[in-house]
Amino acid sequence: MEKHNKNLYYLDELTDYKVASHYADVRGWKLVDANNRAIGKVDDLLVNKNTKRVVYLDIEVDKDIIEQGHEPFENRAEGGTHEYINKDGENHLIVPIGSASIDTYNKQVQTNEISYDSFRKAKRFSKGQDFDRGYEVQIINIYYNNPDSNPDNNDDDSFYESRHFNDRRE
């Protein structure tokens, strides 16, 4: 993705941004699904500078998910969706911030809406890699099946107004 079209920034690359004092800094915390199955750990936070808020958690995926892989021809692609194969070194996923519940007592993040199987099937990327809105839409579709965001309206920041990005503490 070209820098002048860049939509999201890793918090670690923004020297003038930090986690607000009334929020826990969840970097390094474990991410689990609704059944308490390990998905990975929060490696970084992805910020939309226009809206001045965190919209995704960047997750370093647990090796068990990677070892299970993704069978690209497991299900027939529908609606023009193209299958893919995750490559070596692609061990990161994004999770919309509105899908995360923070457990400060156990220092972990839980996703009740997204299944382990959805994480397993999702296309991954390499650490620090930039990605485009197409990847974001693809992930939303895999995680939620029927997203309430409009994938055709993918060039502006109104994309982040759906419930998937609604911080429950606001």
C-alpha atoms as a PDB file:
ATOM      1  CA  MET A   1       0.000   0.000   0.000  1.00  0.00           C
ATOM      2  CA  GLU A   2       1.388   3.398  -0.916  1.00  0.00           C
ATOM      3  CA  LYS A   3       2.148   5.756   1.959  1.00  0.00           C
ATOM      4  CA  HIS A   4       0.085   8.669   0.567  1.00  0.00           C
ATOM      5  CA  ASN A   5      -3.013   6.425   0.567  1.00  0.00           C
ATOM      6  CA  LYS A   6      -2.268   4.975   3.974  1.00  0.00           C
ATOM      7  CA  ASN A   7      -5.337   4.770   6.160  1.00  0.00           C
ATOM      8  CA  LEU A   8      -4.062   3.006   9.274  1.00  0.00           C
ATOM      9  CA  TYR A   9      -0.927   3.397  11.354  1.00  0.00           C
ATOM     10  CA  TYR A  10       0.599   1.114  13.963  1.00  0.00           C
ATOM     11  CA  LEU A  11       0.656   2.869  17.324  1.00  0.00           C
ATOM     12  CA  ASP A  12       4.340   1.979  17.650  1.00  0.00           C
ATOM     13  CA  GLU A  13       5.135   4.106  14.575  1.00  0.00           C
ATOM     14  CA  LEU A  14       3.296   7.201  15.866  1.00  0.00           C
ATOM     15  CA  THR A  15       5.543   9.051  18.285  1.00  0.00           C
ATOM     16  CA  ASP A  16       2.889  11.627  19.162  1.00  0.00           C
ATOM     17  CA  TYR A  17       0.163   9.070  20.017  1.00  0.00           C
ATOM     18  CA  LYS A  18      -0.261   6.962  23.151  1.00  0.00           C
ATOM     19  CA  VAL A  19      -2.956   4.897  24.858  1.00  0.00           C
ATOM     20  CA  ALA A  20      -5.335   7.168  26.781  1.00  0.00           C
ATOM     21  CA  SER A  21      -4.921   7.000  30.549  1.00  0.00           C
ATOM     22  CA  HIS A  22      -8.435   5.589  31.109  1.00  0.00           C
ATOM     23  CA  TYR A  23      -7.709   2.587  28.831  1.00  0.00           C
ATOM     24  CA  ALA A  24      -5.529  -0.439  29.487  1.00  0.00           C
ATOM     25  CA  ASP A  25      -2.572  -0.837  27.148  1.00  0.00           C
ATOM     26  CA  VAL A  26      -3.313  -4.374  25.974  1.00  0.00           C
ATOM     27  CA  ARG A  27      -0.145  -4.861  23.914  1.00  0.00           C
ATOM     28  CA  GLY A  28       1.422  -8.153  24.976  1.00  0.00           C
ATOM     29  CA  TRP A  29      -1.855  -9.505  26.362  1.00  0.00           C
ATOM     30  CA  LYS A  30      -3.310 -12.837  25.267  1.00  0.00           C
ATOM     31  CA  LEU A  31      -6.321 -12.887  22.907  1.00  0.00           C
ATOM     32  CA  VAL A  32      -8.858 -15.684  23.445  1.00  0.00           C
ATOM     33  CA  ASP A  33     -12.155 -16.574  21.798  1.00  0.00           C
ATOM     34  CA  ALA A  34     -15.504 -17.102  23.569  1.00  0.00           C
ATOM     35  CA  ASN A  35     -14.438 -20.635  24.535  1.00  0.00           C
ATOM     36  CA  ASN A  36     -11.185 -19.351  26.037  1.00  0.00           C
ATOM     37  CA  ARG A  37      -9.130 -20.873  23.199  1.00  0.00           C
ATOM     38  CA  ALA A  38      -5.875 -19.032  22.589  1.00  0.00           C
ATOM     39  CA  ILE A  39      -5.837 -17.044  19.345  1.00  0.00           C
ATOM     40  CA  GLY A  40      -2.573 -15.187  19.909  1.00  0.00           C
ATOM     41  CA  LYS A  41      -1.241 -12.077  21.583  1.00  0.00           C
ATOM     42  CA  VAL A  42      -1.871  -8.407  20.956  1.00  0.00           C
ATOM     43  CA  ASP A  43       1.259  -7.173  19.220  1.00  0.00           C
ATOM     44  CA  ASP A  44       0.192  -3.613  18.388  1.00  0.00           C
ATOM     45  CA  LEU A  45      -2.780  -1.305  17.943  1.00  0.00           C
ATOM     46  CA  LEU A  46      -3.883   0.125  14.598  1.00  0.00           C
ATOM     47  CA  VAL A  47      -4.943   3.758  14.623  1.00  0.00           C
ATOM     48  CA  ASN A  48      -6.999   5.700  12.111  1.00  0.00           C
ATOM     49  CA  LYS A  49      -5.419   9.155  12.313  1.00  0.00           C
ATOM     50  CA  ASN A  50      -8.423  10.913  10.765  1.00  0.00           C
ATOM     51  CA  THR A  51     -10.787   9.680  13.469  1.00  0.00           C
ATOM     52  CA  LYS A  52      -8.004   9.737  16.120  1.00  0.00           C
ATOM     53  CA  ARG A  53      -8.869   6.347  17.531  1.00  0.00           C
ATOM     54  CA  VAL A  54      -7.770   2.740  17.664  1.00  0.00           C
ATOM     55  CA  VAL A  55      -9.823   0.666  15.227  1.00  0.00           C
ATOM     56  CA  TYR A  56      -7.983  -2.695  15.258  1.00  0.00           C
ATOM     57  CA  LEU A  57      -5.880  -4.893  17.457  1.00  0.00           C
ATOM     58  CA  ASP A  58      -2.902  -6.382  15.590  1.00  0.00           C
ATOM     59  CA  ILE A  59      -2.667  -9.994  16.736  1.00  0.00           C
ATOM     60  CA  GLU A  60       0.371 -12.232  16.465  1.00  0.00           C
ATOM     61  CA  VAL A  61      -1.358 -15.552  15.817  1.00  0.00           C
ATOM     62  CA  ASP A  62      -0.791 -18.554  18.084  1.00  0.00           C
ATOM     63  CA  LYS A  63       1.244 -21.313  16.418  1.00  0.00           C
ATOM     64  CA  ASP A  64      -1.629 -23.826  16.801  1.00  0.00           C
ATOM     65  CA  ILE A  65      -3.760 -21.810  14.376  1.00  0.00           C
ATOM     66  CA  ILE A  66      -0.883 -21.540  11.936  1.00  0.00           C
ATOM     67  CA  GLU A  67      -0.216 -25.278  12.113  1.00  0.00           C
ATOM     68  CA  GLN A  68      -3.864 -26.018  11.318  1.00  0.00           C
ATOM     69  CA  GLY A  69      -3.528 -23.850   8.232  1.00  0.00           C
ATOM     70  CA  HIS A  70      -6.239 -23.034   5.767  1.00  0.00           C
ATOM     71  CA  GLU A  71      -7.456 -25.372   3.084  1.00  0.00           C
ATOM     72  CA  PRO A  72      -8.042 -23.037   0.151  1.00  0.00           C
ATOM     73  CA  PHE A  73     -10.420 -25.420  -1.574  1.00  0.00           C
ATOM     74  CA  GLU A  74     -12.252 -26.546   1.559  1.00  0.00           C
ATOM     75  CA  ASN A  75     -15.359 -24.565   0.539  1.00  0.00           C
ATOM     76  CA  ARG A  76     -16.244 -23.294  -2.869  1.00  0.00           C
ATOM     77  CA  ALA A  77     -15.704 -19.560  -3.273  1.00  0.00           C
ATOM     78  CA  GLU A  78     -18.887 -17.550  -3.766  1.00  0.00           C
ATOM     79  CA  GLY A  79     -19.678 -14.147  -5.170  1.00  0.00           C
ATOM     80  CA  GLY A  80     -16.329 -13.552  -6.802  1.00  0.00           C
ATOM     81  CA  THR A  81     -14.373 -14.262  -3.627  1.00  0.00           C
ATOM     82  CA  HIS A  82     -10.928 -15.596  -4.416  1.00  0.00           C
ATOM     83  CA  GLU A  83      -9.221 -18.142  -2.225  1.00  0.00           C
ATOM     84  CA  TYR A  84      -5.684 -17.688  -0.928  1.00  0.00           C
ATOM     85  CA  ILE A  85      -2.939 -19.546   0.834  1.00  0.00           C
ATOM     86  CA  ASN A  86      -1.135 -18.044   3.815  1.00  0.00           C
ATOM     87  CA  LYS A  87       2.616 -17.877   3.239  1.00  0.00           C
ATOM     88  CA  ASP A  88       5.471 -18.465   5.673  1.00  0.00           C
ATOM     89  CA  GLY A  89       5.939 -15.444   7.920  1.00  0.00           C
ATOM     90  CA  GLU A  90       2.304 -14.361   7.653  1.00  0.00           C
ATOM     91  CA  ASN A  91       1.387 -14.716  11.304  1.00  0.00           C
ATOM     92  CA  HIS A  92      -0.674 -11.588  12.077  1.00  0.00           C
ATOM     93  CA  LEU A  93      -4.411 -10.846  11.988  1.00  0.00           C
ATOM     94  CA  ILE A  94      -6.486  -7.788  12.768  1.00  0.00           C
ATOM     95  CA  VAL A  95      -9.430  -7.748  15.162  1.00  0.00           C
ATOM     96  CA  PRO A  96     -11.891  -4.832  15.145  1.00  0.00           C
ATOM     97  CA  ILE A  97     -11.766  -3.024  18.490  1.00  0.00           C
ATOM     98  CA  GLY A  98     -15.551  -3.326  18.941  1.00  0.00           C
ATOM     99  CA  SER A  99     -15.210  -7.112  19.030  1.00  0.00           C
ATOM    100  CA  ALA A 100     -12.812  -7.084  21.963  1.00  0.00           C
ATOM    101  CA  SER A 101     -13.638  -7.255  25.648  1.00  0.00           C
ATOM    102  CA  ILE A 102     -10.792  -6.340  27.946  1.00  0.00           C
ATOM    103  CA  ASP A 103     -10.278  -8.412  31.081  1.00  0.00           C
ATOM    104  CA  THR A 104      -7.864  -6.310  33.146  1.00  0.00           C
ATOM    105  CA  TYR A 105      -7.872  -8.791  36.039  1.00  0.00           C
ATOM    106  CA  ASN A 106      -6.488 -11.636  33.893  1.00  0.00           C
ATOM    107  CA  LYS A 107      -4.688  -9.291  31.486  1.00  0.00           C
ATOM    108  CA  GLN A 108      -6.321 -10.793  28.444  1.00  0.00           C
ATOM    109  CA  VAL A 109      -8.630  -9.766  25.616  1.00  0.00           C
ATOM    110  CA  GLN A 110     -11.647 -11.865  24.656  1.00  0.00           C
ATOM    111  CA  THR A 111     -13.626 -12.004  21.419  1.00  0.00           C
ATOM    112  CA  ASN A 112     -17.103 -13.406  21.996  1.00  0.00           C
ATOM    113  CA  GLU A 113     -18.376 -12.751  18.452  1.00  0.00           C
ATOM    114  CA  ILE A 114     -15.553 -14.302  16.433  1.00  0.00           C
ATOM    115  CA  SER A 115     -15.052 -18.060  16.403  1.00  0.00           C
ATOM    116  CA  TYR A 116     -11.766 -19.916  16.544  1.00  0.00           C
ATOM    117  CA  ASP A 117     -12.591 -21.373  13.137  1.00  0.00           C
ATOM    118  CA  SER A 118     -13.016 -17.872  11.660  1.00  0.00           C
ATOM    119  CA  PHE A 119      -9.571 -16.909  12.942  1.00  0.00           C
ATOM    120  CA  ARG A 120      -8.159 -20.102  11.456  1.00  0.00           C
ATOM    121  CA  LYS A 121      -9.651 -19.354   8.020  1.00  0.00           C
ATOM    122  CA  ALA A 122      -8.734 -15.665   7.905  1.00  0.00           C
ATOM    123  CA  LYS A 123      -5.980 -14.377   5.625  1.00  0.00           C
ATOM    124  CA  ARG A 124      -2.952 -13.345   7.646  1.00  0.00           C
ATOM    125  CA  PHE A 125      -0.196 -10.826   6.957  1.00  0.00           C
ATOM    126  CA  SER A 126       3.414 -10.262   8.003  1.00  0.00           C
ATOM    127  CA  LYS A 127       4.334  -8.171  11.049  1.00  0.00           C
ATOM    128  CA  GLY A 128       4.280  -4.450  10.294  1.00  0.00           C
ATOM    129  CA  GLN A 129       2.830  -4.932   6.825  1.00  0.00           C
ATOM    130  CA  ASP A 130       0.438  -2.294   5.514  1.00  0.00           C
ATOM    131  CA  PHE A 131      -2.829  -3.556   4.033  1.00  0.00           C
ATOM    132  CA  ASP A 132      -5.646  -1.982   2.084  1.00  0.00           C
ATOM    133  CA  ARG A 133      -9.372  -1.575   2.675  1.00  0.00           C
ATOM    134  CA  GLY A 134     -10.011  -4.700   0.615  1.00  0.00           C
ATOM    135  CA  TYR A 135      -8.268  -6.760   3.302  1.00  0.00           C
ATOM    136  CA  GLU A 136     -10.313  -5.042   6.008  1.00  0.00           C
ATOM    137  CA  VAL A 137     -13.578  -5.823   4.206  1.00  0.00           C
ATOM    138  CA  GLN A 138     -12.481  -9.422   3.635  1.00  0.00           C
ATOM    139  CA  ILE A 139     -11.730  -9.864   7.354  1.00  0.00           C
ATOM    140  CA  ILE A 140     -15.072  -8.326   8.403  1.00  0.00           C
ATOM    141  CA  ASN A 141     -16.877 -10.702   6.032  1.00  0.00           C
ATOM    142  CA  ILE A 142     -15.005 -13.754   7.385  1.00  0.00           C
ATOM    143  CA  TYR A 143     -15.551 -12.800  11.028  1.00  0.00           C
ATOM    144  CA  TYR A 144     -19.205 -11.743  10.863  1.00  0.00           C
ATOM    145  CA  ASN A 145     -20.704 -13.273   7.687  1.00  0.00           C
ATOM    146  CA  ASN A 146     -23.197 -10.387   7.349  1.00  0.00           C
ATOM    147  CA  PRO A 147     -21.389  -7.163   8.188  1.00  0.00           C
ATOM    148  CA  ASP A 148     -23.445  -4.043   8.769  1.00  0.00           C
ATOM    149  CA  SER A 149     -20.743  -1.933   7.131  1.00  0.00           C
ATOM    150  CA  ASN A 150     -21.054  -1.144   3.455  1.00  0.00           C
ATOM    151  CA  PRO A 151     -18.107  -2.720   1.626  1.00  0.00           C
ATOM    152  CA  ASP A 152     -18.802  -0.459  -1.378  1.00  0.00           C
ATOM    153  CA  ASN A 153     -18.293   2.610   0.824  1.00  0.00           C
ATOM    154  CA  ASN A 154     -14.687   1.742   1.475  1.00  0.00           C
ATOM    155  CA  ASP A 155     -12.770   4.880   0.610  1.00  0.00           C
ATOM    156  CA  ASP A 156     -13.612   7.037   3.622  1.00  0.00           C
ATOM    157  CA  ASP A 157     -13.565   6.929   7.394  1.00  0.00           C
ATOM    158  CA  SER A 158     -17.315   6.268   7.676  1.00  0.00           C
ATOM    159  CA  PHE A 159     -16.297   2.612   7.261  1.00  0.00           C
ATOM    160  CA  TYR A 160     -15.339   2.712  10.965  1.00  0.00           C
ATOM    161  CA  GLU A 161     -18.810   3.802  12.113  1.00  0.00           C
ATOM    162  CA  SER A 162     -20.202   0.260  12.200  1.00  0.00           C
ATOM    163  CA  ARG A 163     -20.696  -1.655  15.438  1.00  0.00           C
ATOM    164  CA  HIS A 164     -17.518  -3.636  14.788  1.00  0.00           C
ATOM    165  CA  PHE A 165     -15.465  -0.553  15.629  1.00  0.00           C
ATOM    166  CA  ASN A 166     -17.613   0.765  18.456  1.00  0.00           C
ATOM    167  CA  ASP A 167     -15.484   0.936  21.562  1.00  0.00           C
ATOM    168  CA  ARG A 168     -17.782  -0.316  24.319  1.00  0.00           C
ATOM    169  CA  ARG A 169     -16.283   2.149  26.818  1.00  0.00           C
ATOM    170  CA  GLU A 170     -17.476   5.224  24.880  1.00  0.00           C
END
